Amino acid sequence: MSKLAFTSHASSRMQQRAIPYIVVDLLHRYGRSARSHHADVLFFDKSAVKQLTRDMGGPRGMKVIERWLDVYAVVADDGSLITVAHQGRRHLRRR
């Protein structure tokens, strides 16, 4: 997987919303991707959380990041991270 380039907007939002870099990295490695408004939205779905739990050493290891499992990231086609945020409500996928 390629490295994400952070825009200044994304860096500002990470700081404002107290989202650590490691969470964005985990989203990039484990998160599910869905296309929305000409960009990819990365989020943790059930299977991503299951895989992450296995790799983190079980539920005890997940305690460290469980507060950020509702975070999503928006990545542009050129690979730059546009923004990150906490999901305020459940996102419904369009078919």
Protein backbone atom coordinates (compact mmCIF):
# COMPACT_ATOMS: atom_id res chain seq x y z
CA MET A 1 0.00 0.00 0.00
CA SER A 2 1.23 3.48 -0.81
CA LYS A 3 2.03 6.13 1.75
CA LEU A 4 -0.60 8.80 2.38
CA ALA A 5 0.28 12.44 1.78
CA PHE A 6 -1.40 14.70 4.32
CA THR A 7 -2.92 17.98 3.20
CA SER A 8 -2.69 20.91 5.59
CA HIS A 9 -6.46 20.68 6.03
CA ALA A 10 -6.21 17.02 7.09
CA SER A 11 -3.40 17.77 9.53
CA SER A 12 -5.43 20.58 11.08
CA ARG A 13 -8.52 18.38 11.41
CA MET A 14 -6.51 15.56 13.00
CA GLN A 15 -5.22 17.98 15.60
CA GLN A 16 -8.61 19.64 16.21
CA ARG A 17 -10.41 16.31 16.53
CA ALA A 18 -7.67 14.58 18.56
CA ILE A 19 -7.20 11.79 16.03
CA PRO A 20 -3.68 10.33 16.24
CA TYR A 21 -1.63 9.43 13.18
CA ILE A 22 -1.64 5.73 14.13
CA VAL A 23 -5.44 5.63 13.70
CA VAL A 24 -5.16 7.02 10.16
CA ASP A 25 -2.42 4.49 9.44
CA LEU A 26 -4.62 1.65 10.73
CA LEU A 27 -7.52 2.93 8.60
CA HIS A 28 -5.24 2.91 5.59
CA ARG A 29 -4.08 -0.66 6.30
CA TYR A 30 -7.27 -2.30 7.62
CA GLY A 31 -10.19 -0.03 6.74
CA ARG A 32 -12.80 -0.65 4.12
CA SER A 33 -12.99 1.76 1.22
CA ALA A 34 -16.16 3.17 -0.31
CA ARG A 35 -16.38 5.62 -3.18
CA SER A 36 -18.13 8.92 -2.40
CA HIS A 37 -18.09 12.27 -4.20
CA HIS A 38 -14.99 11.56 -6.33
CA ALA A 39 -12.91 10.31 -3.38
CA ASP A 40 -12.45 7.17 -1.29
CA VAL A 41 -13.81 7.07 2.24
CA LEU A 42 -11.95 4.71 4.59
CA PHE A 43 -13.71 3.36 7.66
CA PHE A 44 -13.61 0.39 10.00
CA ASP A 45 -16.35 -2.11 9.18
CA LYS A 46 -17.07 -5.30 11.11
CA SER A 47 -14.54 -7.42 9.21
CA ALA A 48 -11.82 -4.75 9.59
CA VAL A 49 -12.41 -4.62 13.34
CA LYS A 50 -12.26 -8.42 13.51
CA GLN A 51 -8.93 -8.54 11.64
CA LEU A 52 -7.56 -5.64 13.68
CA THR A 53 -8.58 -7.37 16.92
CA ARG A 54 -6.68 -10.49 15.85
CA ASP A 55 -3.58 -8.51 14.93
CA MET A 56 -3.70 -6.38 18.10
CA GLY A 57 -3.67 -9.47 20.31
CA GLY A 58 -7.35 -9.71 21.15
CA PRO A 59 -9.87 -7.47 22.92
CA ARG A 60 -7.31 -6.33 25.45
CA GLY A 61 -5.10 -4.90 22.72
CA MET A 62 -8.07 -3.14 21.16
CA LYS A 63 -8.67 -1.10 24.32
CA VAL A 64 -5.95 1.26 23.10
CA ILE A 65 -7.79 2.28 19.93
CA GLU A 66 -11.46 1.45 20.55
CA ARG A 67 -12.38 5.11 21.06
CA TRP A 68 -11.34 5.83 17.45
CA LEU A 69 -13.18 2.99 15.71
CA ASP A 70 -15.80 5.49 14.54
CA VAL A 71 -13.22 7.59 12.66
CA TYR A 72 -13.28 7.85 8.89
CA ALA A 73 -10.83 9.36 6.43
CA VAL A 74 -11.35 10.83 2.97
CA VAL A 75 -8.59 10.14 0.45
CA ALA A 76 -8.33 11.84 -2.96
CA ASP A 77 -7.52 9.96 -6.15
CA ASP A 78 -3.93 11.23 -6.03
CA GLY A 79 -3.46 9.52 -2.65
CA SER A 80 -3.60 12.62 -0.48
CA LEU A 81 -5.56 12.58 2.75
CA ILE A 82 -8.24 15.26 2.49
CA THR A 83 -9.83 15.09 5.93
CA VAL A 84 -10.57 12.89 8.93
CA ALA A 85 -13.55 12.96 11.29
CA HIS A 86 -15.66 10.99 13.73
CA GLN A 87 -18.87 9.59 12.32
CA GLY A 88 -21.71 11.58 13.78
CA ARG A 89 -24.26 9.16 12.45
CA ARG A 90 -24.26 5.88 10.61
CA HIS A 91 -23.28 6.22 6.95
CA LEU A 92 -25.59 4.49 4.53
CA ARG A 93 -23.97 3.07 1.43
CA ARG A 94 -25.53 3.83 -1.93
CA ARG A 95 -25.84 0.94 -4.34
